[in-house]
Protein backbone atom coordinates (compact mmCIF):
# COMPACT_ATOMS: atom_id res chain seq x y z
CA MET A 1 106.41 60.69 91.10
CA SER A 2 109.49 61.54 88.94
CA VAL A 3 110.06 63.69 86.53
CA ASN A 4 111.14 62.21 83.22
CA LYS A 5 111.58 65.26 81.03
CA LEU A 6 111.33 68.89 80.59
CA LEU A 7 108.99 69.53 77.51
CA LYS A 8 108.50 73.40 77.56
CA VAL A 9 109.36 76.53 79.47
CA GLU A 10 107.02 79.60 79.71
CA GLU A 11 104.46 77.58 77.60
CA LYS A 12 101.62 79.68 76.12
CA ILE A 13 98.25 77.59 76.69
CA TRP A 14 94.71 78.38 75.95
CA SER A 15 91.57 76.16 75.70
CA PRO A 16 88.66 77.59 73.46
CA ARG A 17 86.80 74.60 75.28
CA TYR A 18 87.07 76.42 78.73
CA GLY A 19 87.68 80.04 77.45
CA LEU A 20 91.07 80.03 79.73
CA LYS A 21 94.58 81.05 78.77
CA GLY A 22 97.94 81.30 80.78
CA ASN A 23 101.50 80.77 80.82
CA ILE A 24 102.82 77.57 82.63
CA ASP A 25 106.20 78.16 84.22
CA ALA A 26 107.35 74.50 82.93
CA THR A 27 105.54 71.87 81.38
CA VAL A 28 107.08 68.25 82.28
CA GLN A 29 106.40 64.60 81.85
CA VAL A 30 106.22 62.56 85.03
CA ALA A 31 106.10 59.13 85.63
CA MET A 32 103.94 57.75 88.18
CA GLN A 33 102.92 54.41 90.27
CA ASP A 34 99.07 54.54 91.31
CA SER A 35 96.39 52.36 91.67
CA GLN A 36 95.92 52.54 87.78
CA GLY A 37 99.54 51.03 87.28
CA GLU A 38 102.65 52.96 85.80
CA ARG A 39 101.74 56.17 83.87
CA THR A 40 103.55 58.84 81.98
CA LEU A 41 101.72 62.22 82.24
CA THR A 42 102.27 65.88 81.14
CA VAL A 43 101.71 67.93 83.89
CA PRO A 44 102.24 71.61 84.80
CA LEU A 45 105.00 72.60 87.08
CA GLU A 46 104.60 76.20 88.74
CA VAL A 47 107.08 77.55 91.00
CA LYS A 48 106.44 80.31 93.43
CA THR A 49 108.21 82.16 95.64
CA GLY A 50 107.27 82.19 99.65
CA LYS A 51 107.22 79.74 102.13
CA HIS A 52 103.56 78.57 101.61
CA ALA A 53 101.25 77.73 98.98
CA ASN A 54 98.21 79.90 99.17
CA ALA A 55 94.64 79.22 97.80
CA ALA A 56 94.96 81.43 94.52
CA HIS A 57 98.58 79.47 93.68
CA LYS A 58 96.74 76.10 94.14
CA ALA A 59 93.87 77.14 92.07
CA GLN A 60 96.02 78.23 89.23
CA THR A 61 98.00 75.27 89.41
CA ALA A 62 94.62 73.26 89.20
CA LEU A 63 93.57 75.27 86.10
CA TYR A 64 96.92 74.81 84.35
CA THR A 65 96.24 71.14 84.80
CA LEU A 66 92.95 71.07 82.97
CA LEU A 67 94.39 73.11 80.22
CA CYS A 68 97.26 70.82 79.77
CA SER A 69 94.66 67.84 79.98
CA ASP A 70 92.80 69.64 77.35
CA ARG A 71 95.89 70.47 75.16
CA TYR A 72 97.33 66.82 75.56
CA GLY A 73 94.46 64.60 75.85
CA LYS A 74 95.25 62.86 78.70
CA TYR A 75 93.20 63.58 82.26
CA PRO A 76 95.49 63.18 85.40
CA ASP A 77 94.10 63.65 88.84
CA LEU A 78 94.60 67.55 90.22
CA ALA A 79 96.74 65.86 92.90
CA THR A 80 99.44 64.89 90.20
CA SER A 81 100.02 68.70 89.28
CA SER A 82 103.14 70.48 90.69
CA LEU A 83 103.64 73.57 92.79
CA GLN A 84 106.89 74.39 94.12
CA HIS A 85 107.79 77.04 96.81
CA PRO A 86 111.77 77.18 97.19
CA ASN A 87 113.00 78.53 100.43
CA LYS A 88 114.30 81.76 100.47
């Protein structure tokens, strides 16, 4: 998977369908190759501090992926969403 383009920073996103809203650190366009072939997807990129991703961070990123899929009309696997933990 590679990031092709930064689409938005601090995107305010909401979904009346799911009754959820949030602020995504960055929304990016990625290119990936998988069993379905080559695809271009719009996914959230969350940047968290610390050494390890905890369950709350993973859940937040999964929900942001759901919100992005509702807004942009594409449904990526949750595994394509990104959670980054920079080293301190």
